[in-house]
PDB file of N, CA and C in Angstrom:
ATOM      1  N   MET A   1      -9.955 -12.013  -6.924  1.00  0.00           N
ATOM      2  CA  MET A   1      -8.826 -11.434  -6.267  1.00  0.00           C
ATOM      3  C   MET A   1      -8.476 -10.185  -7.386  1.00  0.00           C
ATOM      4  N   HIS A   2      -8.281  -9.100  -6.753  1.00  0.00           N
ATOM      5  CA  HIS A   2      -7.790  -8.003  -7.428  1.00  0.00           C
ATOM      6  C   HIS A   2      -6.392  -7.419  -7.177  1.00  0.00           C
ATOM      7  N   THR A   3      -5.581  -6.991  -8.062  1.00  0.00           N
ATOM      8  CA  THR A   3      -4.312  -6.625  -7.987  1.00  0.00           C
ATOM      9  C   THR A   3      -4.148  -5.212  -8.307  1.00  0.00           C
ATOM     10  N   VAL A   4      -3.250  -4.587  -7.692  1.00  0.00           N
ATOM     11  CA  VAL A   4      -2.615  -3.197  -8.147  1.00  0.00           C
ATOM     12  C   VAL A   4      -1.148  -3.183  -8.080  1.00  0.00           C
ATOM     13  N   GLY A   5      -0.582  -2.325  -8.911  1.00  0.00           N
ATOM     14  CA  GLY A   5       0.844  -2.359  -8.809  1.00  0.00           C
ATOM     15  C   GLY A   5       1.414  -1.508  -7.736  1.00  0.00           C
ATOM     16  N   VAL A   6       2.705  -1.537  -7.607  1.00  0.00           N
ATOM     17  CA  VAL A   6       3.348  -0.996  -6.411  1.00  0.00           C
ATOM     18  C   VAL A   6       3.377   0.450  -6.489  1.00  0.00           C
ATOM     19  N   ASP A   7       3.139   1.000  -7.644  1.00  0.00           N
ATOM     20  CA  ASP A   7       3.311   2.400  -7.856  1.00  0.00           C
ATOM     21  C   ASP A   7       1.725   3.096  -7.859  1.00  0.00           C
ATOM     22  N   THR A   8       0.751   2.252  -7.596  1.00  0.00           N
ATOM     23  CA  THR A   8      -0.578   2.646  -7.367  1.00  0.00           C
ATOM     24  C   THR A   8      -0.744   3.658  -6.257  1.00  0.00           C
ATOM     25  N   LEU A   9      -1.472   4.696  -6.341  1.00  0.00           N
ATOM     26  CA  LEU A   9      -1.632   5.626  -5.359  1.00  0.00           C
ATOM     27  C   LEU A   9      -2.689   5.031  -4.205  1.00  0.00           C
ATOM     28  N   LEU A  10      -2.590   5.204  -3.070  1.00  0.00           N
ATOM     29  CA  LEU A  10      -3.549   4.701  -2.010  1.00  0.00           C
ATOM     30  C   LEU A  10      -4.957   4.991  -2.473  1.00  0.00           C
ATOM     31  N   ARG A  11      -5.253   6.175  -2.767  1.00  0.00           N
ATOM     32  CA  ARG A  11      -6.562   6.626  -3.230  1.00  0.00           C
ATOM     33  C   ARG A  11      -7.140   5.846  -4.413  1.00  0.00           C
ATOM     34  N   ASN A  12      -6.225   5.250  -5.308  1.00  0.00           N
ATOM     35  CA  ASN A  12      -6.706   4.450  -6.459  1.00  0.00           C
ATOM     36  C   ASN A  12      -6.916   3.088  -6.021  1.00  0.00           C
ATOM     37  N   ALA A  13      -5.964   2.658  -5.020  1.00  0.00           N
ATOM     38  CA  ALA A  13      -6.278   1.253  -4.541  1.00  0.00           C
ATOM     39  C   ALA A  13      -7.546   1.174  -3.693  1.00  0.00           C
ATOM     40  N   GLY A  14      -7.871   2.343  -3.017  1.00  0.00           N
ATOM     41  CA  GLY A  14      -8.935   2.352  -2.345  1.00  0.00           C
ATOM     42  C   GLY A  14     -10.230   2.398  -3.138  1.00  0.00           C
ATOM     43  N   GLY A  15     -10.183   3.094  -4.213  1.00  0.00           N
ATOM     44  CA  GLY A  15     -11.154   3.211  -5.244  1.00  0.00           C
ATOM     45  C   GLY A  15     -11.424   1.810  -5.933  1.00  0.00           C
ATOM     46  N   THR A  16     -10.425   1.021  -6.135  1.00  0.00           N
ATOM     47  CA  THR A  16     -10.540  -0.298  -6.618  1.00  0.00           C
ATOM     48  C   THR A  16     -11.417  -1.204  -5.599  1.00  0.00           C
ATOM     49  N   MET A  17     -11.101  -1.025  -4.334  1.00  0.00           N
ATOM     50  CA  MET A  17     -11.816  -1.782  -3.309  1.00  0.00           C
ATOM     51  C   MET A  17     -13.231  -1.331  -3.305  1.00  0.00           C
ATOM     52  N   LEU A  18     -13.543  -0.106  -3.422  1.00  0.00           N
ATOM     53  CA  LEU A  18     -14.943   0.477  -3.381  1.00  0.00           C
ATOM     54  C   LEU A  18     -15.727  -0.139  -4.684  1.00  0.00           C
ATOM     55  N   LYS A  19     -15.102  -0.008  -5.823  1.00  0.00           N
ATOM     56  CA  LYS A  19     -15.578  -0.243  -7.120  1.00  0.00           C
ATOM     57  C   LYS A  19     -16.084  -1.761  -7.090  1.00  0.00           C
ATOM     58  N   HIS A  20     -15.214  -2.658  -6.498  1.00  0.00           N
ATOM     59  CA  HIS A  20     -15.394  -4.050  -6.702  1.00  0.00           C
ATOM     60  C   HIS A  20     -16.109  -4.705  -5.263  1.00  0.00           C
ATOM     61  N   ASP A  21     -16.339  -3.649  -4.329  1.00  0.00           N
ATOM     62  CA  ASP A  21     -16.962  -4.079  -3.087  1.00  0.00           C
ATOM     63  C   ASP A  21     -16.111  -5.227  -2.344  1.00  0.00           C
ATOM     64  N   ILE A  22     -14.872  -4.915  -2.181  1.00  0.00           N
ATOM     65  CA  ILE A  22     -13.845  -5.994  -1.697  1.00  0.00           C
ATOM     66  C   ILE A  22     -13.134  -5.114  -0.423  1.00  0.00           C
ATOM     67  N   ARG A  23     -12.599  -5.948   0.370  1.00  0.00           N
ATOM     68  CA  ARG A  23     -11.937  -5.321   1.477  1.00  0.00           C
ATOM     69  C   ARG A  23     -10.467  -5.394   1.511  1.00  0.00           C
ATOM     70  N   SER A  24      -9.819  -5.871   0.358  1.00  0.00           N
ATOM     71  CA  SER A  24      -8.379  -5.924   0.257  1.00  0.00           C
ATOM     72  C   SER A  24      -7.988  -6.086  -1.286  1.00  0.00           C
ATOM     73  N   VAL A  25      -6.839  -5.605  -1.500  1.00  0.00           N
ATOM     74  CA  VAL A  25      -6.184  -5.703  -2.765  1.00  0.00           C
ATOM     75  C   VAL A  25      -4.876  -6.269  -2.579  1.00  0.00           C
ATOM     76  N   ILE A  26      -4.223  -7.007  -3.672  1.00  0.00           N
ATOM     77  CA  ILE A  26      -2.895  -7.644  -3.712  1.00  0.00           C
ATOM     78  C   ILE A  26      -2.032  -6.498  -4.272  1.00  0.00           C
ATOM     79  N   ILE A  27      -0.854  -6.156  -3.778  1.00  0.00           N
ATOM     80  CA  ILE A  27       0.067  -5.374  -4.352  1.00  0.00           C
ATOM     81  C   ILE A  27       1.190  -6.195  -5.041  1.00  0.00           C
ATOM     82  N   VAL A  28       1.304  -6.075  -6.405  1.00  0.00           N
ATOM     83  CA  VAL A  28       2.250  -6.759  -7.102  1.00  0.00           C
ATOM     84  C   VAL A  28       3.372  -5.953  -7.741  1.00  0.00           C
ATOM     85  N   ASP A  29       4.515  -6.500  -7.911  1.00  0.00           N
ATOM     86  CA  ASP A  29       5.678  -5.712  -8.599  1.00  0.00           C
ATOM     87  C   ASP A  29       5.454  -5.845 -10.278  1.00  0.00           C
ATOM     88  N   ASP A  30       6.455  -5.361 -10.992  1.00  0.00           N
ATOM     89  CA  ASP A  30       6.324  -5.361 -12.305  1.00  0.00           C
ATOM     90  C   ASP A  30       6.244  -6.645 -12.928  1.00  0.00           C
ATOM     91  N   THR A  31       6.708  -7.873 -12.261  1.00  0.00           N
ATOM     92  CA  THR A  31       6.654  -9.231 -12.686  1.00  0.00           C
ATOM     93  C   THR A  31       5.436  -9.896 -12.161  1.00  0.00           C
ATOM     94  N   ASN A  32       4.571  -9.193 -11.512  1.00  0.00           N
ATOM     95  CA  ASN A  32       3.336  -9.719 -10.939  1.00  0.00           C
ATOM     96  C   ASN A  32       3.658 -10.684  -9.680  1.00  0.00           C
ATOM     97  N   ARG A  33       4.815 -10.463  -9.052  1.00  0.00           N
ATOM     98  CA  ARG A  33       5.026 -11.210  -7.707  1.00  0.00           C
ATOM     99  C   ARG A  33       4.477 -10.346  -6.639  1.00  0.00           C
ATOM    100  N   LEU A  34       3.874 -11.081  -5.727  1.00  0.00           N
ATOM    101  CA  LEU A  34       3.404 -10.478  -4.341  1.00  0.00           C
ATOM    102  C   LEU A  34       4.391  -9.553  -3.796  1.00  0.00           C
ATOM    103  N   GLU A  35       3.916  -8.491  -3.323  1.00  0.00           N
ATOM    104  CA  GLU A  35       4.626  -7.558  -2.561  1.00  0.00           C
ATOM    105  C   GLU A  35       3.963  -7.408  -1.150  1.00  0.00           C
ATOM    106  N   GLU A  36       2.690  -7.154  -1.215  1.00  0.00           N
ATOM    107  CA  GLU A  36       1.930  -6.806  -0.014  1.00  0.00           C
ATOM    108  C   GLU A  36       0.386  -7.058  -0.188  1.00  0.00           C
ATOM    109  N   ASN A  37      -0.384  -7.257   0.895  1.00  0.00           N
ATOM    110  CA  ASN A  37      -1.895  -7.295   0.782  1.00  0.00           C
ATOM    111  C   ASN A  37      -2.196  -6.039   1.509  1.00  0.00           C
ATOM    112  N   LEU A  38      -2.971  -5.062   0.859  1.00  0.00           N
ATOM    113  CA  LEU A  38      -3.509  -3.937   1.381  1.00  0.00           C
ATOM    114  C   LEU A  38      -4.861  -4.076   1.664  1.00  0.00           C
ATOM    115  N   THR A  39      -5.219  -3.747   3.078  1.00  0.00           N
ATOM    116  CA  THR A  39      -6.558  -3.981   3.451  1.00  0.00           C
ATOM    117  C   THR A  39      -7.412  -2.687   3.836  1.00  0.00           C
ATOM    118  N   ALA A  40      -8.568  -2.674   3.894  1.00  0.00           N
ATOM    119  CA  ALA A  40      -9.427  -1.402   4.053  1.00  0.00           C
ATOM    120  C   ALA A  40      -8.974  -0.924   5.592  1.00  0.00           C
ATOM    121  N   THR A  41      -8.689  -1.771   6.441  1.00  0.00           N
ATOM    122  CA  THR A  41      -8.136  -1.353   7.754  1.00  0.00           C
ATOM    123  C   THR A  41      -6.831  -0.651   7.449  1.00  0.00           C
ATOM    124  N   ASP A  42      -5.964  -1.105   6.633  1.00  0.00           N
ATOM    125  CA  ASP A  42      -4.736  -0.416   6.463  1.00  0.00           C
ATOM    126  C   ASP A  42      -5.074   1.072   6.040  1.00  0.00           C
ATOM    127  N   LEU A  43      -5.909   1.340   5.041  1.00  0.00           N
ATOM    128  CA  LEU A  43      -6.260   2.607   4.556  1.00  0.00           C
ATOM    129  C   LEU A  43      -6.744   3.490   5.620  1.00  0.00           C
ATOM    130  N   ILE A  44      -7.617   2.759   6.553  1.00  0.00           N
ATOM    131  CA  ILE A  44      -8.231   3.629   7.588  1.00  0.00           C
ATOM    132  C   ILE A  44      -7.124   4.165   8.550  1.00  0.00           C
ATOM    133  N   ARG A  45      -6.122   3.191   8.774  1.00  0.00           N
ATOM    134  CA  ARG A  45      -4.996   3.561   9.862  1.00  0.00           C
ATOM    135  C   ARG A  45      -4.256   4.725   9.182  1.00  0.00           C
ATOM    136  N   VAL A  46      -3.947   4.583   7.872  1.00  0.00           N
ATOM    137  CA  VAL A  46      -3.110   5.872   7.291  1.00  0.00           C
ATOM    138  C   VAL A  46      -3.862   7.117   7.341  1.00  0.00           C
ATOM    139  N   VAL A  47      -5.173   7.074   7.176  1.00  0.00           N
ATOM    140  CA  VAL A  47      -5.885   8.401   7.303  1.00  0.00           C
ATOM    141  C   VAL A  47      -5.937   8.800   8.593  1.00  0.00           C
ATOM    142  N   THR A  48      -6.174   7.962   9.545  1.00  0.00           N
ATOM    143  CA  THR A  48      -6.317   8.459  11.019  1.00  0.00           C
ATOM    144  C   THR A  48      -5.029   8.876  11.575  1.00  0.00           C
ATOM    145  N   GLU A  49      -3.868   8.199  11.260  1.00  0.00           N
ATOM    146  CA  GLU A  49      -2.546   8.502  11.714  1.00  0.00           C
ATOM    147  C   GLU A  49      -1.918   9.770  11.009  1.00  0.00           C
ATOM    148  N   CYS A  50      -2.395  10.039   9.848  1.00  0.00           N
ATOM    149  CA  CYS A  50      -1.501  11.186   9.168  1.00  0.00           C
ATOM    150  C   CYS A  50      -2.301  12.517   9.409  1.00  0.00           C
ATOM    151  N   CYS A  51      -3.682  12.490   9.770  1.00  0.00           N
ATOM    152  CA  CYS A  51      -4.327  13.737   9.738  1.00  0.00           C
ATOM    153  C   CYS A  51      -4.853  14.203  11.050  1.00  0.00           C
TER     154      CYS A  51
END
């Protein structure tokens, strides 16, 4: 399981997924509490809806 901080850019979160060949990362706050689960599908949705 890989985590990223709440201030991590989407491109960097996606890079983490690619680097580790995973389909999601856990987003945590400054105290390592769960905020959200970001999936590859979420990233695709952002790209297709914004452009």
